[in-house]
Amino acid sequence: MHISILTFLDSAISIFDKYPVTEHHCLIIPKRHKASFFTLDPKEQQDCIDLINQVKLQLCDMDETITGFNLGINDGVDAGQTIPHCHIHLIPRRKNDVVEPRGGIRNIIPGKGKY
């Protein structure tokens, strides 16, 4: 998939993920280079959150099969971060896209999704 900017704010942009988990998987990326979301200043964090909301609406307008989302930040090597620049995954979900969606992101640790 061609990487294209969906939208942007003062301190953050949104692009389609180069290696999408699902169709229309997007990344919200602060413009300033910081490895961790927690080291962004409050304005940058807020722009990222505002962009998540804008892109969610755009994706739902583009694709009526989207019925949910997973949001994720791999913050730190031990959390699975492989790109040392903060980015937030906005992953569209659809009814029956997996056998058992219960637990969502809890499934990153085997056995922790069912509770």
PDB file of N, CA and C in Angstrom:
ATOM      1  N   MET A   1       0.855  -1.179   0.000  1.00  0.00           N
ATOM      2  CA  MET A   1       0.000   0.000   0.000  1.00  0.00           C
ATOM      3  C   MET A   1       0.897   1.237   0.000  1.00  0.00           C
ATOM      4  N   HIS A   2       0.530   2.200  -0.770  1.00  0.00           N
ATOM      5  CA  HIS A   2       1.255   3.467  -0.840  1.00  0.00           C
ATOM      6  C   HIS A   2       1.054   4.227   0.472  1.00  0.00           C
ATOM      7  N   ILE A   3       2.128   4.737   1.024  1.00  0.00           N
ATOM      8  CA  ILE A   3       2.038   5.528   2.258  1.00  0.00           C
ATOM      9  C   ILE A   3       1.579   6.931   1.881  1.00  0.00           C
ATOM     10  N   SER A   4       0.468   7.334   2.436  1.00  0.00           N
ATOM     11  CA  SER A   4      -0.008   8.682   2.165  1.00  0.00           C
ATOM     12  C   SER A   4      -0.473   9.315   3.459  1.00  0.00           C
ATOM     13  N   ILE A   5      -0.309  10.607   3.525  1.00  0.00           N
ATOM     14  CA  ILE A   5      -0.757  11.346   4.702  1.00  0.00           C
ATOM     15  C   ILE A   5      -2.263  11.480   4.630  1.00  0.00           C
ATOM     16  N   LEU A   6      -2.942  11.039   5.675  1.00  0.00           N
ATOM     17  CA  LEU A   6      -4.387  11.187   5.746  1.00  0.00           C
ATOM     18  C   LEU A   6      -4.743  12.605   6.158  1.00  0.00           C
ATOM     19  N   THR A   7      -4.114  13.038   7.226  1.00  0.00           N
ATOM     20  CA  THR A   7      -4.387  14.367   7.744  1.00  0.00           C
ATOM     21  C   THR A   7      -3.267  14.759   8.702  1.00  0.00           C
ATOM     22  N   PHE A   8      -3.252  15.995   9.126  1.00  0.00           N
ATOM     23  CA  PHE A   8      -2.201  16.444  10.028  1.00  0.00           C
ATOM     24  C   PHE A   8      -2.689  17.597  10.889  1.00  0.00           C
ATOM     25  N   LEU A   9      -2.020  17.782  11.994  1.00  0.00           N
ATOM     26  CA  LEU A   9      -2.223  18.930  12.882  1.00  0.00           C
ATOM     27  C   LEU A   9      -0.866  19.595  13.057  1.00  0.00           C
ATOM     28  N   ASP A  10      -0.788  20.599  13.922  1.00  0.00           N
ATOM     29  CA  ASP A  10       0.463  21.333  14.112  1.00  0.00           C
ATOM     30  C   ASP A  10       1.648  20.420  14.400  1.00  0.00           C
ATOM     31  N   SER A  11       1.444  19.440  15.279  1.00  0.00           N
ATOM     32  CA  SER A  11       2.589  18.660  15.729  1.00  0.00           C
ATOM     33  C   SER A  11       2.482  17.162  15.450  1.00  0.00           C
ATOM     34  N   ALA A  12       1.505  16.730  14.643  1.00  0.00           N
ATOM     35  CA  ALA A  12       1.345  15.303  14.375  1.00  0.00           C
ATOM     36  C   ALA A  12       0.752  15.076  12.992  1.00  0.00           C
ATOM     37  N   ILE A  13       1.087  13.922  12.431  1.00  0.00           N
ATOM     38  CA  ILE A  13       0.514  13.534  11.138  1.00  0.00           C
ATOM     39  C   ILE A  13      -0.047  12.123  11.252  1.00  0.00           C
ATOM     40  N   SER A  14      -0.825  11.750  10.262  1.00  0.00           N
ATOM     41  CA  SER A  14      -1.394  10.418  10.196  1.00  0.00           C
ATOM     42  C   SER A  14      -1.105   9.825   8.821  1.00  0.00           C
ATOM     43  N   ILE A  15      -0.635   8.585   8.813  1.00  0.00           N
ATOM     44  CA  ILE A  15      -0.365   7.880   7.555  1.00  0.00           C
ATOM     45  C   ILE A  15      -0.912   6.464   7.654  1.00  0.00           C
ATOM     46  N   PHE A  16      -1.083   5.828   6.491  1.00  0.00           N
ATOM     47  CA  PHE A  16      -1.402   4.410   6.481  1.00  0.00           C
ATOM     48  C   PHE A  16      -0.147   3.626   6.842  1.00  0.00           C
ATOM     49  N   ASP A  17      -0.314   2.572   7.626  1.00  0.00           N
ATOM     50  CA  ASP A  17       0.806   1.730   8.033  1.00  0.00           C
ATOM     51  C   ASP A  17       1.358   0.981   6.823  1.00  0.00           C
ATOM     52  N   LYS A  18       2.681   0.911   6.708  1.00  0.00           N
ATOM     53  CA  LYS A  18       3.335   0.215   5.598  1.00  0.00           C
ATOM     54  C   LYS A  18       3.120  -1.292   5.677  1.00  0.00           C
ATOM     55  N   TYR A  19       2.924  -1.818   6.875  1.00  0.00           N
ATOM     56  CA  TYR A  19       2.704  -3.246   7.095  1.00  0.00           C
ATOM     57  C   TYR A  19       1.420  -3.428   7.911  1.00  0.00           C
ATOM     58  N   PRO A  20       0.264  -3.173   7.294  1.00  0.00           N
ATOM     59  CA  PRO A  20      -0.994  -3.142   8.045  1.00  0.00           C
ATOM     60  C   PRO A  20      -1.398  -4.489   8.637  1.00  0.00           C
ATOM     61  N   VAL A  21      -1.935  -4.436   9.848  1.00  0.00           N
ATOM     62  CA  VAL A  21      -2.500  -5.600  10.513  1.00  0.00           C
ATOM     63  C   VAL A  21      -3.888  -5.881   9.948  1.00  0.00           C
ATOM     64  N   THR A  22      -4.637  -4.816   9.667  1.00  0.00           N
ATOM     65  CA  THR A  22      -5.937  -4.913   9.011  1.00  0.00           C
ATOM     66  C   THR A  22      -5.994  -3.822   7.944  1.00  0.00           C
ATOM     67  N   GLU A  23      -6.981  -3.917   7.077  1.00  0.00           N
ATOM     68  CA  GLU A  23      -7.142  -2.888   6.045  1.00  0.00           C
ATOM     69  C   GLU A  23      -7.384  -1.530   6.699  1.00  0.00           C
ATOM     70  N   HIS A  24      -6.692  -0.520   6.220  1.00  0.00           N
ATOM     71  CA  HIS A  24      -6.791   0.873   6.684  1.00  0.00           C
ATOM     72  C   HIS A  24      -6.110   1.118   8.038  1.00  0.00           C
ATOM     73  N   HIS A  25      -5.232   0.225   8.451  1.00  0.00           N
ATOM     74  CA  HIS A  25      -4.434   0.409   9.675  1.00  0.00           C
ATOM     75  C   HIS A  25      -3.617   1.692   9.500  1.00  0.00           C
ATOM     76  N   CYS A  26      -3.717   2.597  10.453  1.00  0.00           N
ATOM     77  CA  CYS A  26      -3.036   3.900  10.368  1.00  0.00           C
ATOM     78  C   CYS A  26      -2.085   4.103  11.533  1.00  0.00           C
ATOM     79  N   LEU A  27      -1.164   5.026  11.318  1.00  0.00           N
ATOM     80  CA  LEU A  27      -0.251   5.460  12.364  1.00  0.00           C
ATOM     81  C   LEU A  27      -0.456   6.949  12.604  1.00  0.00           C
ATOM     82  N   ILE A  28      -0.467   7.326  13.856  1.00  0.00           N
ATOM     83  CA  ILE A  28      -0.490   8.727  14.258  1.00  0.00           C
ATOM     84  C   ILE A  28       0.927   9.005  14.752  1.00  0.00           C
ATOM     85  N   ILE A  29       1.603   9.972  14.142  1.00  0.00           N
ATOM     86  CA  ILE A  29       3.027  10.182  14.403  1.00  0.00           C
ATOM     87  C   ILE A  29       3.296  11.640  14.763  1.00  0.00           C
ATOM     88  N   PRO A  30       3.889  11.881  15.934  1.00  0.00           N
ATOM     89  CA  PRO A  30       4.285  13.258  16.243  1.00  0.00           C
ATOM     90  C   PRO A  30       5.402  13.692  15.293  1.00  0.00           C
ATOM     91  N   LYS A  31       5.396  14.945  14.908  1.00  0.00           N
ATOM     92  CA  LYS A  31       6.416  15.458  13.977  1.00  0.00           C
ATOM     93  C   LYS A  31       7.790  15.552  14.635  1.00  0.00           C
ATOM     94  N   ARG A  32       7.815  15.932  15.908  1.00  0.00           N
ATOM     95  CA  ARG A  32       9.097  16.057  16.609  1.00  0.00           C
ATOM     96  C   ARG A  32       9.583  14.669  16.991  1.00  0.00           C
ATOM     97  N   HIS A  33      10.862  14.434  16.814  1.00  0.00           N
ATOM     98  CA  HIS A  33      11.413  13.123  17.117  1.00  0.00           C
ATOM     99  C   HIS A  33      11.534  12.906  18.624  1.00  0.00           C
ATOM    100  N   LYS A  34      10.718  11.997  19.099  1.00  0.00           N
ATOM    101  CA  LYS A  34      10.765  11.535  20.485  1.00  0.00           C
ATOM    102  C   LYS A  34      10.434  10.053  20.455  1.00  0.00           C
ATOM    103  N   ALA A  35      11.172   9.261  21.183  1.00  0.00           N
ATOM    104  CA  ALA A  35      10.940   7.818  21.169  1.00  0.00           C
ATOM    105  C   ALA A  35       9.684   7.431  21.943  1.00  0.00           C
ATOM    106  N   SER A  36       9.375   8.158  23.006  1.00  0.00           N
ATOM    107  CA  SER A  36       8.286   7.786  23.900  1.00  0.00           C
ATOM    108  C   SER A  36       7.141   8.790  23.871  1.00  0.00           C
ATOM    109  N   PHE A  37       5.926   8.268  23.903  1.00  0.00           N
ATOM    110  CA  PHE A  37       4.743   9.119  24.027  1.00  0.00           C
ATOM    111  C   PHE A  37       4.824   9.959  25.302  1.00  0.00           C
ATOM    112  N   PHE A  38       5.419   9.389  26.333  1.00  0.00           N
ATOM    113  CA  PHE A  38       5.470  10.045  27.635  1.00  0.00           C
ATOM    114  C   PHE A  38       6.460  11.200  27.689  1.00  0.00           C
ATOM    115  N   THR A  39       7.294  11.348  26.673  1.00  0.00           N
ATOM    116  CA  THR A  39       8.220  12.483  26.620  1.00  0.00           C
ATOM    117  C   THR A  39       7.744  13.565  25.660  1.00  0.00           C
ATOM    118  N   LEU A  40       6.591  13.374  25.040  1.00  0.00           N
ATOM    119  CA  LEU A  40       5.991  14.442  24.238  1.00  0.00           C
ATOM    120  C   LEU A  40       5.452  15.505  25.184  1.00  0.00           C
ATOM    121  N   ASP A  41       5.427  16.750  24.715  1.00  0.00           N
ATOM    122  CA  ASP A  41       4.836  17.773  25.572  1.00  0.00           C
ATOM    123  C   ASP A  41       3.307  17.663  25.489  1.00  0.00           C
ATOM    124  N   PRO A  42       2.592  18.298  26.419  1.00  0.00           N
ATOM    125  CA  PRO A  42       1.133  18.157  26.455  1.00  0.00           C
ATOM    126  C   PRO A  42       0.439  18.525  25.142  1.00  0.00           C
ATOM    127  N   LYS A  43       0.909  19.538  24.434  1.00  0.00           N
ATOM    128  CA  LYS A  43       0.312  19.931  23.152  1.00  0.00           C
ATOM    129  C   LYS A  43       0.483  18.819  22.121  1.00  0.00           C
ATOM    130  N   GLU A  44       1.670  18.221  22.077  1.00  0.00           N
ATOM    131  CA  GLU A  44       1.912  17.127  21.137  1.00  0.00           C
ATOM    132  C   GLU A  44       1.043  15.920  21.474  1.00  0.00           C
ATOM    133  N   GLN A  45       0.935  15.589  22.739  1.00  0.00           N
ATOM    134  CA  GLN A  45       0.068  14.483  23.138  1.00  0.00           C
ATOM    135  C   GLN A  45      -1.382  14.763  22.744  1.00  0.00           C
ATOM    136  N   GLN A  46      -1.831  15.990  22.987  1.00  0.00           N
ATOM    137  CA  GLN A  46      -3.214  16.339  22.657  1.00  0.00           C
ATOM    138  C   GLN A  46      -3.440  16.314  21.145  1.00  0.00           C
ATOM    139  N   ASP A  47      -2.478  16.800  20.364  1.00  0.00           N
ATOM    140  CA  ASP A  47      -2.618  16.737  18.907  1.00  0.00           C
ATOM    141  C   ASP A  47      -2.721  15.288  18.444  1.00  0.00           C
ATOM    142  N   CYS A  48      -1.961  14.402  19.049  1.00  0.00           N
ATOM    143  CA  CYS A  48      -2.046  12.977  18.694  1.00  0.00           C
ATOM    144  C   CYS A  48      -3.445  12.432  18.996  1.00  0.00           C
ATOM    145  N   ILE A  49      -3.966  12.759  20.169  1.00  0.00           N
ATOM    146  CA  ILE A  49      -5.305  12.294  20.547  1.00  0.00           C
ATOM    147  C   ILE A  49      -6.363  12.894  19.623  1.00  0.00           C
ATOM    148  N   ASP A  50      -6.244  14.189  19.320  1.00  0.00           N
ATOM    149  CA  ASP A  50      -7.198  14.824  18.401  1.00  0.00           C
ATOM    150  C   ASP A  50      -7.143  14.168  17.021  1.00  0.00           C
ATOM    151  N   LEU A  51      -5.945  13.846  16.585  1.00  0.00           N
ATOM    152  CA  LEU A  51      -5.783  13.215  15.276  1.00  0.00           C
ATOM    153  C   LEU A  51      -6.378  11.809  15.266  1.00  0.00           C
ATOM    154  N   ILE A  52      -6.220  11.074  16.353  1.00  0.00           N
ATOM    155  CA  ILE A  52      -6.853   9.757  16.452  1.00  0.00           C
ATOM    156  C   ILE A  52      -8.354   9.892  16.204  1.00  0.00           C
ATOM    157  N   ASN A  53      -8.982  10.866  16.845  1.00  0.00           N
ATOM    158  CA  ASN A  53     -10.423  11.070  16.690  1.00  0.00           C
ATOM    159  C   ASN A  53     -10.793  11.466  15.263  1.00  0.00           C
ATOM    160  N   GLN A  54     -10.008  12.338  14.643  1.00  0.00           N
ATOM    161  CA  GLN A  54     -10.289  12.752  13.263  1.00  0.00           C
ATOM    162  C   GLN A  54     -10.149  11.592  12.287  1.00  0.00           C
ATOM    163  N   VAL A  55      -9.063  10.838  12.432  1.00  0.00           N
ATOM    164  CA  VAL A  55      -8.796   9.735  11.509  1.00  0.00           C
ATOM    165  C   VAL A  55      -9.838   8.630  11.691  1.00  0.00           C
ATOM    166  N   LYS A  56     -10.237   8.372  12.920  1.00  0.00           N
ATOM    167  CA  LYS A  56     -11.294   7.379  13.171  1.00  0.00           C
ATOM    168  C   LYS A  56     -12.545   7.722  12.378  1.00  0.00           C
ATOM    169  N   LEU A  57     -12.944   8.994  12.404  1.00  0.00           N
ATOM    170  CA  LEU A  57     -14.125   9.417  11.655  1.00  0.00           C
ATOM    171  C   LEU A  57     -13.916   9.256  10.150  1.00  0.00           C
ATOM    172  N   GLN A  58     -12.725   9.625   9.653  1.00  0.00           N
ATOM    173  CA  GLN A  58     -12.420   9.470   8.230  1.00  0.00           C
ATOM    174  C   GLN A  58     -12.509   8.007   7.806  1.00  0.00           C
ATOM    175  N   LEU A  59     -11.932   7.130   8.621  1.00  0.00           N
ATOM    176  CA  LEU A  59     -11.936   5.709   8.273  1.00  0.00           C
ATOM    177  C   LEU A  59     -13.350   5.144   8.261  1.00  0.00           C
ATOM    178  N   CYS A  60     -14.154   5.533   9.240  1.00  0.00           N
ATOM    179  CA  CYS A  60     -15.540   5.050   9.277  1.00  0.00           C
ATOM    180  C   CYS A  60     -16.343   5.559   8.090  1.00  0.00           C
ATOM    181  N   ASP A  61     -16.050   6.780   7.630  1.00  0.00           N
ATOM    182  CA  ASP A  61     -16.703   7.301   6.425  1.00  0.00           C
ATOM    183  C   ASP A  61     -16.254   6.541   5.183  1.00  0.00           C
ATOM    184  N   MET A  62     -14.975   6.137   5.143  1.00  0.00           N
ATOM    185  CA  MET A  62     -14.399   5.409   4.011  1.00  0.00           C
ATOM    186  C   MET A  62     -14.882   3.971   3.927  1.00  0.00           C
ATOM    187  N   ASP A  63     -15.104   3.351   5.075  1.00  0.00           N
ATOM    188  CA  ASP A  63     -15.325   1.911   5.117  1.00  0.00           C
ATOM    189  C   ASP A  63     -16.401   1.568   6.145  1.00  0.00           C
ATOM    190  N   GLU A  64     -17.582   1.267   5.654  1.00  0.00           N
ATOM    191  CA  GLU A  64     -18.705   0.995   6.561  1.00  0.00           C
ATOM    192  C   GLU A  64     -18.612  -0.371   7.242  1.00  0.00           C
ATOM    193  N   THR A  65     -17.625  -1.195   6.859  1.00  0.00           N
ATOM    194  CA  THR A  65     -17.469  -2.494   7.524  1.00  0.00           C
ATOM    195  C   THR A  65     -16.729  -2.368   8.853  1.00  0.00           C
ATOM    196  N   ILE A  66     -16.133  -1.220   9.138  1.00  0.00           N
ATOM    197  CA  ILE A  66     -15.415  -1.021  10.402  1.00  0.00           C
ATOM    198  C   ILE A  66     -16.430  -0.914  11.538  1.00  0.00           C
ATOM    199  N   THR A  67     -16.247  -1.774  12.550  1.00  0.00           N
ATOM    200  CA  THR A  67     -17.167  -1.786  13.689  1.00  0.00           C
ATOM    201  C   THR A  67     -16.464  -1.550  15.023  1.00  0.00           C
ATOM    202  N   GLY A  68     -15.151  -1.402  15.006  1.00  0.00           N
ATOM    203  CA  GLY A  68     -14.395  -1.168  16.233  1.00  0.00           C
ATOM    204  C   GLY A  68     -12.960  -0.810  15.907  1.00  0.00           C
ATOM    205  N   PHE A  69     -12.186  -0.508  16.930  1.00  0.00           N
ATOM    206  CA  PHE A  69     -10.784  -0.133  16.759  1.00  0.00           C
ATOM    207  C   PHE A  69      -9.954  -0.670  17.906  1.00  0.00           C
ATOM    208  N   ASN A  70      -8.700  -0.959  17.622  1.00  0.00           N
ATOM    209  CA  ASN A  70      -7.687  -1.147  18.647  1.00  0.00           C
ATOM    210  C   ASN A  70      -6.725   0.022  18.519  1.00  0.00           C
ATOM    211  N   LEU A  71      -6.344   0.585  19.657  1.00  0.00           N
ATOM    212  CA  LEU A  71      -5.333   1.633  19.721  1.00  0.00           C
ATOM    213  C   LEU A  71      -4.137   1.046  20.444  1.00  0.00           C
ATOM    214  N   GLY A  72      -2.935   1.345  19.947  1.00  0.00           N
ATOM    215  CA  GLY A  72      -1.777   0.808  20.633  1.00  0.00           C
ATOM    216  C   GLY A  72      -0.532   1.634  20.455  1.00  0.00           C
ATOM    217  N   ILE A  73       0.280   1.645  21.512  1.00  0.00           N
ATOM    218  CA  ILE A  73       1.592   2.285  21.479  1.00  0.00           C
ATOM    219  C   ILE A  73       2.580   1.282  22.056  1.00  0.00           C
ATOM    220  N   ASN A  74       3.557   0.911  21.279  1.00  0.00           N
ATOM    221  CA  ASN A  74       4.647   0.091  21.784  1.00  0.00           C
ATOM    222  C   ASN A  74       5.700   1.078  22.296  1.00  0.00           C
ATOM    223  N   ASP A  75       5.736   1.295  23.580  1.00  0.00           N
ATOM    224  CA  ASP A  75       6.580   2.325  24.169  1.00  0.00           C
ATOM    225  C   ASP A  75       7.736   1.673  24.919  1.00  0.00           C
ATOM    226  N   GLY A  76       8.870   1.550  24.242  1.00  0.00           N
ATOM    227  CA  GLY A  76      10.047   0.909  24.812  1.00  0.00           C
ATOM    228  C   GLY A  76      10.315  -0.444  24.170  1.00  0.00           C
ATOM    229  N   VAL A  77      11.571  -0.806  24.123  1.00  0.00           N
ATOM    230  CA  VAL A  77      11.987  -2.068  23.501  1.00  0.00           C
ATOM    231  C   VAL A  77      11.260  -3.257  24.138  1.00  0.00           C
ATOM    232  N   ASP A  78      11.135  -3.264  25.459  1.00  0.00           N
ATOM    233  CA  ASP A  78      10.490  -4.383  26.140  1.00  0.00           C
ATOM    234  C   ASP A  78       8.989  -4.450  25.890  1.00  0.00           C
ATOM    235  N   ALA A  79       8.435  -3.376  25.346  1.00  0.00           N
ATOM    236  CA  ALA A  79       7.027  -3.366  24.955  1.00  0.00           C
ATOM    237  C   ALA A  79       6.856  -3.672  23.464  1.00  0.00           C
ATOM    238  N   GLY A  80       7.961  -3.996  22.796  1.00  0.00           N
ATOM    239  CA  GLY A  80       7.887  -4.360  21.392  1.00  0.00           C
ATOM    240  C   GLY A  80       8.182  -3.241  20.420  1.00  0.00           C
ATOM    241  N   GLN A  81       8.632  -2.081  20.908  1.00  0.00           N
ATOM    242  CA  GLN A  81       8.923  -0.957  20.023  1.00  0.00           C
ATOM    243  C   GLN A  81      10.154  -1.274  19.171  1.00  0.00           C
ATOM    244  N   THR A  82       9.984  -1.204  17.845  1.00  0.00           N
ATOM    245  CA  THR A  82      11.095  -1.478  16.927  1.00  0.00           C
ATOM    246  C   THR A  82      11.551  -0.233  16.181  1.00  0.00           C
ATOM    247  N   ILE A  83      10.713   0.778  16.128  1.00  0.00           N
ATOM    248  CA  ILE A  83      11.044   2.066  15.506  1.00  0.00           C
ATOM    249  C   ILE A  83      11.198   3.072  16.647  1.00  0.00           C
ATOM    250  N   PRO A  84      12.388   3.667  16.822  1.00  0.00           N
ATOM    251  CA  PRO A  84      12.595   4.551  17.968  1.00  0.00           C
ATOM    252  C   PRO A  84      12.037   5.970  17.753  1.00  0.00           C
ATOM    253  N   HIS A  85      10.828   6.035  17.244  1.00  0.00           N
ATOM    254  CA  HIS A  85      10.101   7.293  17.084  1.00  0.00           C
ATOM    255  C   HIS A  85       8.665   6.987  17.495  1.00  0.00           C
ATOM    256  N   CYS A  86       8.145   7.745  18.428  1.00  0.00           N
ATOM    257  CA  CYS A  86       6.793   7.514  18.914  1.00  0.00           C
ATOM    258  C   CYS A  86       5.800   7.428  17.758  1.00  0.00           C
ATOM    259  N   HIS A  87       4.916   6.459  17.829  1.00  0.00           N
ATOM    260  CA  HIS A  87       3.801   6.372  16.892  1.00  0.00           C
ATOM    261  C   HIS A  87       2.681   5.565  17.541  1.00  0.00           C
ATOM    262  N   ILE A  88       1.473   5.898  17.188  1.00  0.00           N
ATOM    263  CA  ILE A  88       0.285   5.264  17.756  1.00  0.00           C
ATOM    264  C   ILE A  88      -0.422   4.510  16.638  1.00  0.00           C
ATOM    265  N   HIS A  89      -0.705   3.237  16.884  1.00  0.00           N
ATOM    266  CA  HIS A  89      -1.429   2.418  15.914  1.00  0.00           C
ATOM    267  C   HIS A  89      -2.924   2.612  16.105  1.00  0.00           C
ATOM    268  N   LEU A  90      -3.624   2.882  15.022  1.00  0.00           N
ATOM    269  CA  LEU A  90      -5.079   2.930  14.999  1.00  0.00           C
ATOM    270  C   LEU A  90      -5.504   1.818  14.050  1.00  0.00           C
ATOM    271  N   ILE A  91      -5.974   0.717  14.628  1.00  0.00           N
ATOM    272  CA  ILE A  91      -6.239  -0.501  13.857  1.00  0.00           C
ATOM    273  C   ILE A  91      -7.744  -0.746  13.775  1.00  0.00           C
ATOM    274  N   PRO A  92      -8.308  -0.589  12.574  1.00  0.00           N
ATOM    275  CA  PRO A  92      -9.740  -0.855  12.409  1.00  0.00           C
ATOM    276  C   PRO A  92     -10.039  -2.342  12.603  1.00  0.00           C
ATOM    277  N   ARG A  93     -11.180  -2.611  13.203  1.00  0.00           N
ATOM    278  CA  ARG A  93     -11.631  -3.986  13.400  1.00  0.00           C
ATOM    279  C   ARG A  93     -13.002  -4.153  12.768  1.00  0.00           C
ATOM    280  N   ARG A  94     -13.304  -5.379  12.418  1.00  0.00           N
ATOM    281  CA  ARG A  94     -14.564  -5.704  11.764  1.00  0.00           C
ATOM    282  C   ARG A  94     -15.178  -6.925  12.431  1.00  0.00           C
ATOM    283  N   LYS A  95     -16.492  -6.995  12.381  1.00  0.00           N
ATOM    284  CA  LYS A  95     -17.196  -8.146  12.943  1.00  0.00           C
ATOM    285  C   LYS A  95     -16.637  -9.418  12.327  1.00  0.00           C
ATOM    286  N   ASN A  96     -16.314 -10.384  13.187  1.00  0.00           N
ATOM    287  CA  ASN A  96     -15.815 -11.700  12.780  1.00  0.00           C
ATOM    288  C   ASN A  96     -14.455 -11.666  12.081  1.00  0.00           C
ATOM    289  N   ASP A  97     -13.628 -10.630  12.323  1.00  0.00           N
ATOM    290  CA  ASP A  97     -12.292 -10.611  11.703  1.00  0.00           C
ATOM    291  C   ASP A  97     -11.339 -11.587  12.393  1.00  0.00           C
ATOM    292  N   VAL A  98     -11.666 -12.000  13.609  1.00  0.00           N
ATOM    293  CA  VAL A  98     -10.963 -13.078  14.302  1.00  0.00           C
ATOM    294  C   VAL A  98     -12.014 -13.948  14.986  1.00  0.00           C
ATOM    295  N   VAL A  99     -11.630 -15.151  15.324  1.00  0.00           N
ATOM    296  CA  VAL A  99     -12.577 -16.078  15.941  1.00  0.00           C
ATOM    297  C   VAL A  99     -13.064 -15.555  17.282  1.00  0.00           C
ATOM    298  N   GLU A 100     -12.146 -15.090  18.132  1.00  0.00           N
ATOM    299  CA  GLU A 100     -12.513 -14.608  19.462  1.00  0.00           C
ATOM    300  C   GLU A 100     -11.841 -13.274  19.756  1.00  0.00           C
ATOM    301  N   PRO A 101     -12.557 -12.154  19.558  1.00  0.00           N
ATOM    302  CA  PRO A 101     -11.941 -10.849  19.790  1.00  0.00           C
ATOM    303  C   PRO A 101     -11.854 -10.452  21.262  1.00  0.00           C
ATOM    304  N   ARG A 102     -12.529 -11.181  22.135  1.00  0.00           N
ATOM    305  CA  ARG A 102     -12.565 -10.796  23.546  1.00  0.00           C
ATOM    306  C   ARG A 102     -11.149 -10.689  24.114  1.00  0.00           C
ATOM    307  N   GLY A 103     -10.904  -9.629  24.836  1.00  0.00           N
ATOM    308  CA  GLY A 103      -9.598  -9.394  25.443  1.00  0.00           C
ATOM    309  C   GLY A 103      -8.761  -8.408  24.649  1.00  0.00           C
ATOM    310  N   GLY A 104      -9.039  -8.276  23.330  1.00  0.00           N
ATOM    311  CA  GLY A 104      -8.349  -7.283  22.512  1.00  0.00           C
ATOM    312  C   GLY A 104      -6.855  -7.253  22.721  1.00  0.00           C
ATOM    313  N   ILE A 105      -6.340  -6.098  23.124  1.00  0.00           N
ATOM    314  CA  ILE A 105      -4.895  -5.934  23.258  1.00  0.00           C
ATOM    315  C   ILE A 105      -4.306  -6.755  24.397  1.00  0.00           C
ATOM    316  N   ARG A 106      -5.138  -7.259  25.287  1.00  0.00           N
ATOM    317  CA  ARG A 106      -4.633  -8.143  26.346  1.00  0.00           C
ATOM    318  C   ARG A 106      -4.015  -9.408  25.759  1.00  0.00           C
ATOM    319  N   ASN A 107      -4.371  -9.727  24.511  1.00  0.00           N
ATOM    320  CA  ASN A 107      -3.859 -10.932  23.865  1.00  0.00           C
ATOM    321  C   ASN A 107      -2.387 -10.827  23.463  1.00  0.00           C
ATOM    322  N   ILE A 108      -1.764  -9.672  23.669  1.00  0.00           N
ATOM    323  CA  ILE A 108      -0.334  -9.582  23.360  1.00  0.00           C
ATOM    324  C   ILE A 108       0.490 -10.427  24.322  1.00  0.00           C
ATOM    325  N   ILE A 109      -0.068 -10.709  25.493  1.00  0.00           N
ATOM    326  CA  ILE A 109       0.571 -11.622  26.438  1.00  0.00           C
ATOM    327  C   ILE A 109      -0.254 -12.914  26.399  1.00  0.00           C
ATOM    328  N   PRO A 110       0.340 -14.006  25.919  1.00  0.00           N
ATOM    329  CA  PRO A 110      -0.421 -15.262  25.799  1.00  0.00           C
ATOM    330  C   PRO A 110      -1.141 -15.641  27.100  1.00  0.00           C
ATOM    331  N   GLY A 111      -2.408 -16.011  26.928  1.00  0.00           N
ATOM    332  CA  GLY A 111      -3.213 -16.456  28.064  1.00  0.00           C
ATOM    333  C   GLY A 111      -3.872 -15.359  28.871  1.00  0.00           C
ATOM    334  N   LYS A 112      -3.616 -14.087  28.541  1.00  0.00           N
ATOM    335  CA  LYS A 112      -4.168 -12.983  29.335  1.00  0.00           C
ATOM    336  C   LYS A 112      -5.421 -12.360  28.723  1.00  0.00           C
ATOM    337  N   GLY A 113      -5.822 -12.817  27.531  1.00  0.00           N
ATOM    338  CA  GLY A 113      -6.971 -12.224  26.850  1.00  0.00           C
ATOM    339  C   GLY A 113      -8.306 -12.653  27.418  1.00  0.00           C
ATOM    340  N   LYS A 114      -8.367 -13.843  27.994  1.00  0.00           N
ATOM    341  CA  LYS A 114      -9.635 -14.344  28.542  1.00  0.00           C
ATOM    342  C   LYS A 114      -9.636 -14.133  30.050  1.00  0.00           C
ATOM    343  N   TYR A 115     -10.627 -13.401  30.504  1.00  0.00           N
ATOM    344  CA  TYR A 115     -10.727 -13.120  31.938  1.00  0.00           C
ATOM    345  C   TYR A 115     -12.177 -13.091  32.349  1.00  0.00           C
TER     346      TYR A 115
END
